[in-house]
């Protein structure tokens, strides 16, 4: 077990070590260890020295940067003076290329710090834009899911299949400028772009009727259909043990229930 030097409350002190701590300034400080006071004093001196070193380093760096800037300015001024002297020695003829180079150097000395500020501002803006885009993406996804959840119930999707239907439609939806979800361009499943959630579910019903698979009532038509549109293999007219065995347990239980068959003891229904 490791002991902390300080705890905010007496209840945080490990059981059996309470006597080693003394309340000081609202906190409980470890004081019951021989030689600890000297160790803490040494640690305080070390932290104070380290802080002073950091400040001195920062000051030295600032002085160095300032000195480098002055050196650069002095070098530019020297080059200009040499260029002028050279021009005077050539009968006053000015080396235009040399003057352009010197002008560029002077401009760089002034523009450099401003460019750093501009780059920092652009980086901050890009980060803010990304955070905003992420937030809008999460908000739109939540809006789509909420609207599809409401629409799935209104469209009559079977309660056990609503989550699967929502997951199928969600990637094919977008949020318009009016804040309303709609089917996006290029949606899968051949869905018509621009449809609202209710319209999307109604169109999906013709393409994936299994989401609406429930018992259809009395007579030989009872038992509904599977998700792929095939007849229920547990129904009287379409009893098929091979297809029953090919279903997952969840789908088999659902289809057996729809046909009124006991899943654990399946017997072909008589009606």
Protein backbone atom coordinates (compact mmCIF):
# COMPACT_ATOMS: atom_id res chain seq x y z
CA UNK A 1 0.00 0.00 0.00
CA UNK A 2 1.31 3.49 -0.89
CA UNK A 3 0.59 6.43 1.40
CA UNK A 4 -0.02 9.93 0.11
CA UNK A 5 1.74 12.90 1.70
CA UNK A 6 -1.59 14.71 2.05
CA UNK A 7 -5.29 13.82 2.03
CA UNK A 8 -8.23 16.19 1.66
CA UNK A 9 -10.34 14.38 4.28
CA UNK A 10 -9.72 12.11 7.24
CA UNK A 11 -11.90 9.44 5.66
CA UNK A 12 -9.41 9.12 2.79
CA UNK A 13 -6.56 8.03 5.10
CA UNK A 14 -6.01 4.27 4.89
CA UNK A 15 -7.28 2.43 7.93
CA UNK A 16 -4.66 2.00 10.64
CA UNK A 17 -2.54 4.98 9.55
CA UNK A 18 -4.70 7.81 10.94
CA UNK A 19 -2.24 8.54 13.75
CA UNK A 20 0.49 9.41 11.28
CA UNK A 21 -1.44 12.40 9.89
CA UNK A 22 -1.99 15.89 11.33
CA UNK A 23 -4.60 18.37 10.15
CA UNK A 24 -2.97 21.45 8.67
CA UNK A 25 -4.91 24.13 6.81
CA UNK A 26 -7.93 21.92 6.22
CA UNK A 27 -5.87 19.01 4.90
CA UNK A 28 -4.33 15.99 6.60
CA UNK A 29 -0.54 15.95 6.26
CA UNK A 30 1.80 13.00 6.88
CA UNK A 31 3.91 14.02 9.91
CA UNK A 32 4.37 10.80 11.86
CA UNK A 33 7.43 9.52 9.97
CA UNK A 34 10.91 10.21 11.32
CA UNK A 35 13.05 12.33 8.99
CA UNK A 36 10.06 13.26 6.82
CA UNK A 37 10.24 16.95 7.75
CA UNK A 38 13.78 17.18 6.37
CA UNK A 39 12.75 15.32 3.23
CA UNK A 40 9.82 17.66 2.65
CA UNK A 41 12.06 20.69 3.19
CA UNK A 42 14.54 19.31 0.65
CA UNK A 43 11.71 18.70 -1.81
CA UNK A 44 10.49 22.27 -1.34
CA UNK A 45 13.99 23.62 -1.99
CA UNK A 46 14.27 21.46 -5.10
CA UNK A 47 10.91 22.64 -6.47
CA UNK A 48 11.84 26.27 -5.78
CA UNK A 49 15.18 25.82 -7.55
CA UNK A 50 13.52 24.10 -10.51
CA UNK A 51 10.97 26.91 -10.85
CA UNK A 52 13.77 29.49 -10.82
CA UNK A 53 15.66 27.53 -13.49
CA UNK A 54 12.58 27.45 -15.71
CA UNK A 55 12.10 31.21 -15.38
CA UNK A 56 15.78 31.83 -16.11
CA UNK A 57 15.61 29.55 -19.16
CA UNK A 58 12.57 31.41 -20.50
CA UNK A 59 14.27 34.76 -19.98
CA UNK A 60 17.46 33.54 -21.69
CA UNK A 61 15.46 32.24 -24.66
CA UNK A 62 13.68 35.59 -25.01
CA UNK A 63 17.02 37.45 -24.88
CA UNK A 64 18.49 35.06 -27.45
CA UNK A 65 15.57 35.56 -29.84
CA UNK A 66 15.83 39.33 -29.48
CA UNK A 67 19.59 39.21 -30.07
CA UNK A 68 19.13 37.07 -33.18
CA UNK A 69 16.64 39.60 -34.53
CA UNK A 70 19.09 42.48 -33.95
CA UNK A 71 21.91 40.47 -35.56
CA UNK A 72 19.75 39.87 -38.63
CA UNK A 73 18.94 43.58 -38.86
CA UNK A 74 22.62 44.49 -38.47
CA UNK A 75 23.62 42.02 -41.19
CA UNK A 76 21.03 43.52 -43.53
CA UNK A 77 22.24 47.04 -42.81
CA UNK A 78 25.85 45.89 -43.42
CA UNK A 79 24.91 44.34 -46.74
CA UNK A 80 23.15 47.54 -47.78
CA UNK A 81 26.20 49.58 -46.86
CA UNK A 82 28.46 47.23 -48.83
CA UNK A 83 26.10 47.43 -51.79
CA UNK A 84 26.17 51.25 -51.67
CA UNK A 85 29.97 51.26 -51.46
CA UNK A 86 30.19 48.84 -54.36
CA UNK A 87 27.85 51.03 -56.39
CA UNK A 88 29.96 54.11 -55.62
CA UNK A 89 33.08 52.27 -56.77
CA UNK A 90 31.41 51.44 -60.06
CA UNK A 91 30.56 55.00 -60.90
CA UNK A 92 27.23 55.03 -59.10
CA UNK A 93 25.81 52.05 -60.99
CA UNK A 94 23.35 50.20 -58.72
CA UNK A 95 23.11 46.41 -58.66
CA UNK A 96 19.32 46.04 -58.88
CA UNK A 97 19.42 42.32 -58.07
CA UNK A 98 21.42 43.01 -54.89
CA UNK A 99 19.02 45.76 -53.80
CA UNK A 100 16.05 43.46 -54.40
CA UNK A 101 17.67 40.77 -52.29
CA UNK A 102 18.30 43.27 -49.46
CA UNK A 103 14.73 44.57 -49.68
CA UNK A 104 13.43 41.03 -49.41
CA UNK A 105 15.57 40.48 -46.31
CA UNK A 106 14.19 43.59 -44.63
CA UNK A 107 10.63 42.62 -45.51
CA UNK A 108 11.18 39.12 -44.11
CA UNK A 109 12.34 40.56 -40.79
CA UNK A 110 9.09 42.49 -40.45
CA UNK A 111 6.75 39.95 -41.99
CA UNK A 112 8.13 36.91 -40.14
CA UNK A 113 6.58 37.65 -36.72
CA UNK A 114 3.28 38.68 -38.35
CA UNK A 115 3.22 35.47 -40.37
CA UNK A 116 3.67 33.43 -37.19
CA UNK A 117 0.69 35.22 -35.63
CA UNK A 118 -1.38 34.62 -38.78
CA UNK A 119 -0.44 30.92 -38.86
CA UNK A 120 -1.40 30.55 -35.19
CA UNK A 121 -4.74 32.28 -35.83
CA UNK A 122 -5.45 30.06 -38.85
CA UNK A 123 -4.62 26.94 -36.84
CA UNK A 124 -6.97 28.03 -34.04
CA UNK A 125 -9.73 28.74 -36.58
CA UNK A 126 -9.27 25.32 -38.23
CA UNK A 127 -9.52 23.62 -34.84
CA UNK A 128 -12.67 25.58 -33.99
CA UNK A 129 -14.20 24.73 -37.40
CA UNK A 130 -13.52 21.03 -36.85
CA UNK A 131 -15.07 21.12 -33.38
CA UNK A 132 -18.15 22.84 -34.81
CA UNK A 133 -18.44 20.32 -37.64
CA UNK A 134 -18.16 17.43 -35.20
CA UNK A 135 -20.84 18.94 -32.97
CA UNK A 136 -23.18 19.55 -35.93
CA UNK A 137 -22.59 15.99 -37.15
CA UNK A 138 -23.56 14.54 -33.77
CA UNK A 139 -26.61 16.81 -33.59
CA UNK A 140 -27.78 15.80 -37.08
CA UNK A 141 -27.26 12.11 -36.35
CA UNK A 142 -29.33 12.45 -33.18
CA UNK A 143 -32.08 14.29 -35.09
CA UNK A 144 -32.20 11.58 -37.79
CA UNK A 145 -32.36 8.79 -35.24
CA UNK A 146 -35.09 10.48 -33.20
CA UNK A 147 -37.26 11.20 -36.25
CA UNK A 148 -36.79 7.69 -37.64
CA UNK A 149 -37.72 6.20 -34.26
CA UNK A 150 -41.00 8.11 -34.22
CA UNK A 151 -41.71 7.38 -37.89
CA UNK A 152 -41.02 3.64 -37.59
CA UNK A 153 -43.80 3.24 -35.04
CA UNK A 154 -46.22 5.37 -37.10
CA UNK A 155 -45.38 3.38 -40.24
CA UNK A 156 -46.28 0.14 -38.45
CA UNK A 157 -42.81 -1.44 -38.31
CA UNK A 158 -42.93 -4.43 -35.95
CA UNK A 159 -41.63 -3.41 -32.52
CA UNK A 160 -38.96 -6.13 -32.57
CA UNK A 161 -37.66 -4.90 -35.93
CA UNK A 162 -37.70 -1.12 -35.41
CA UNK A 163 -34.06 -0.86 -34.32
CA UNK A 164 -32.86 -2.85 -37.36
CA UNK A 165 -35.00 -0.76 -39.71
CA UNK A 166 -33.65 2.48 -38.21
CA UNK A 167 -30.06 1.26 -38.62
CA UNK A 168 -30.78 0.41 -42.26
CA UNK A 169 -32.30 3.80 -43.11
CA UNK A 170 -30.02 6.10 -41.05
CA UNK A 171 -27.04 6.13 -43.48
CA UNK A 172 -29.42 7.06 -46.30
CA UNK A 173 -30.79 10.16 -44.57
CA UNK A 174 -29.58 13.74 -44.29
CA UNK A 175 -30.80 16.87 -42.49
CA UNK A 176 -32.00 19.64 -44.79
CA UNK A 177 -31.64 23.40 -44.30
CA UNK A 178 -35.06 23.36 -42.63
CA UNK A 179 -33.72 20.99 -39.97
CA UNK A 180 -35.89 18.10 -41.19
CA UNK A 181 -34.48 14.65 -42.08
CA UNK A 182 -34.98 13.40 -45.63
CA UNK A 183 -33.63 10.70 -47.97
CA UNK A 184 -30.34 11.92 -49.47
CA UNK A 185 -29.30 11.81 -53.12
CA UNK A 186 -27.70 8.51 -54.12
CA UNK A 187 -29.35 6.61 -51.28
CA UNK A 188 -29.06 2.83 -51.25
CA UNK A 189 -32.03 0.46 -51.65
CA UNK A 190 -33.34 2.60 -54.51
CA UNK A 191 -35.05 5.01 -52.10
CA UNK A 192 -36.48 8.19 -53.62
CA UNK A 193 -34.43 11.29 -52.65
CA UNK A 194 -36.30 13.90 -50.62
CA UNK A 195 -38.70 11.53 -48.85
CA UNK A 196 -39.38 12.31 -45.19
CA UNK A 197 -38.96 9.52 -42.59
CA UNK A 198 -42.57 8.30 -42.92
CA UNK A 199 -42.28 8.22 -46.71
CA UNK A 200 -38.95 6.39 -46.44
CA UNK A 201 -40.49 3.67 -44.27
CA UNK A 202 -43.49 3.33 -46.56
CA UNK A 203 -41.20 2.86 -49.54
CA UNK A 204 -38.99 0.47 -47.56
CA UNK A 205 -42.04 -1.70 -46.90
CA UNK A 206 -42.14 -2.73 -50.56
CA UNK A 207 -38.43 -3.57 -50.56
CA UNK A 208 -38.02 -5.24 -47.13
CA UNK A 209 -41.46 -6.42 -45.95
CA UNK A 210 -39.84 -8.55 -43.26
CA UNK A 211 -39.67 -5.48 -40.99
CA UNK A 212 -43.47 -5.61 -40.89
CA UNK A 213 -43.63 -9.43 -40.39
CA UNK A 214 -46.41 -10.16 -37.90
CA UNK A 215 -49.34 -12.54 -37.74
CA UNK A 216 -51.91 -11.70 -40.40
CA UNK A 217 -54.89 -13.16 -38.51
CA UNK A 218 -57.02 -16.31 -39.03
CA UNK A 219 -57.05 -18.83 -41.89
CA UNK A 220 -54.19 -20.44 -43.75
CA UNK A 221 -52.55 -17.03 -44.37
CA UNK A 222 -51.59 -16.69 -40.69
CA UNK A 223 -47.92 -16.45 -39.77
CA UNK A 224 -46.71 -13.52 -41.91
CA UNK A 225 -43.50 -13.55 -43.96
CA UNK A 226 -39.78 -13.59 -43.29
CA UNK A 227 -37.55 -10.54 -43.79
CA UNK A 228 -36.68 -11.62 -47.34
CA UNK A 229 -40.39 -11.79 -48.22
CA UNK A 230 -40.58 -15.60 -48.27
CA UNK A 231 -43.52 -17.29 -46.49
CA UNK A 232 -43.17 -18.19 -42.84
CA UNK A 233 -41.81 -21.81 -42.72
CA UNK A 234 -43.72 -22.34 -39.44
CA UNK A 235 -47.13 -21.57 -41.02
CA UNK A 236 -49.57 -24.37 -41.92
CA UNK A 237 -49.41 -23.95 -45.70
CA UNK A 238 -45.65 -23.38 -45.85
CA UNK A 239 -44.38 -25.73 -43.12
CA UNK A 240 -40.70 -26.46 -43.93
CA UNK A 241 -38.41 -27.97 -41.28
CA UNK A 242 -35.28 -27.41 -43.41
CA UNK A 243 -35.93 -23.68 -43.63
CA UNK A 244 -36.83 -23.58 -39.94
CA UNK A 245 -33.43 -25.04 -39.05
CA UNK A 246 -31.67 -22.51 -41.30
CA UNK A 247 -33.09 -19.57 -39.31
CA UNK A 248 -31.26 -17.97 -36.39
CA UNK A 249 -32.76 -18.68 -32.97
CA UNK A 250 -34.12 -15.13 -32.71
CA UNK A 251 -35.78 -15.24 -36.15
CA UNK A 252 -37.07 -18.78 -35.60
CA UNK A 253 -38.67 -17.82 -32.29
CA UNK A 254 -40.25 -14.73 -33.83
CA UNK A 255 -41.64 -16.58 -36.85
CA UNK A 256 -42.87 -19.50 -34.72
CA UNK A 257 -44.71 -17.07 -32.47
CA UNK A 258 -46.23 -15.32 -35.49
CA UNK A 259 -47.58 -18.67 -36.72
CA UNK A 260 -48.88 -19.65 -33.27
CA UNK A 261 -46.34 -22.49 -32.89
CA UNK A 262 -44.53 -23.48 -29.69
CA UNK A 263 -40.87 -22.90 -30.57
CA UNK A 264 -39.63 -25.50 -28.06
CA UNK A 265 -42.07 -28.17 -29.28
CA UNK A 266 -42.86 -27.20 -32.89
CA UNK A 267 -45.88 -28.93 -34.40
CA UNK A 268 -47.42 -28.01 -37.72
CA UNK A 269 -50.50 -25.88 -37.04
CA UNK A 270 -53.88 -27.19 -38.09
CA UNK A 271 -55.22 -23.76 -39.01
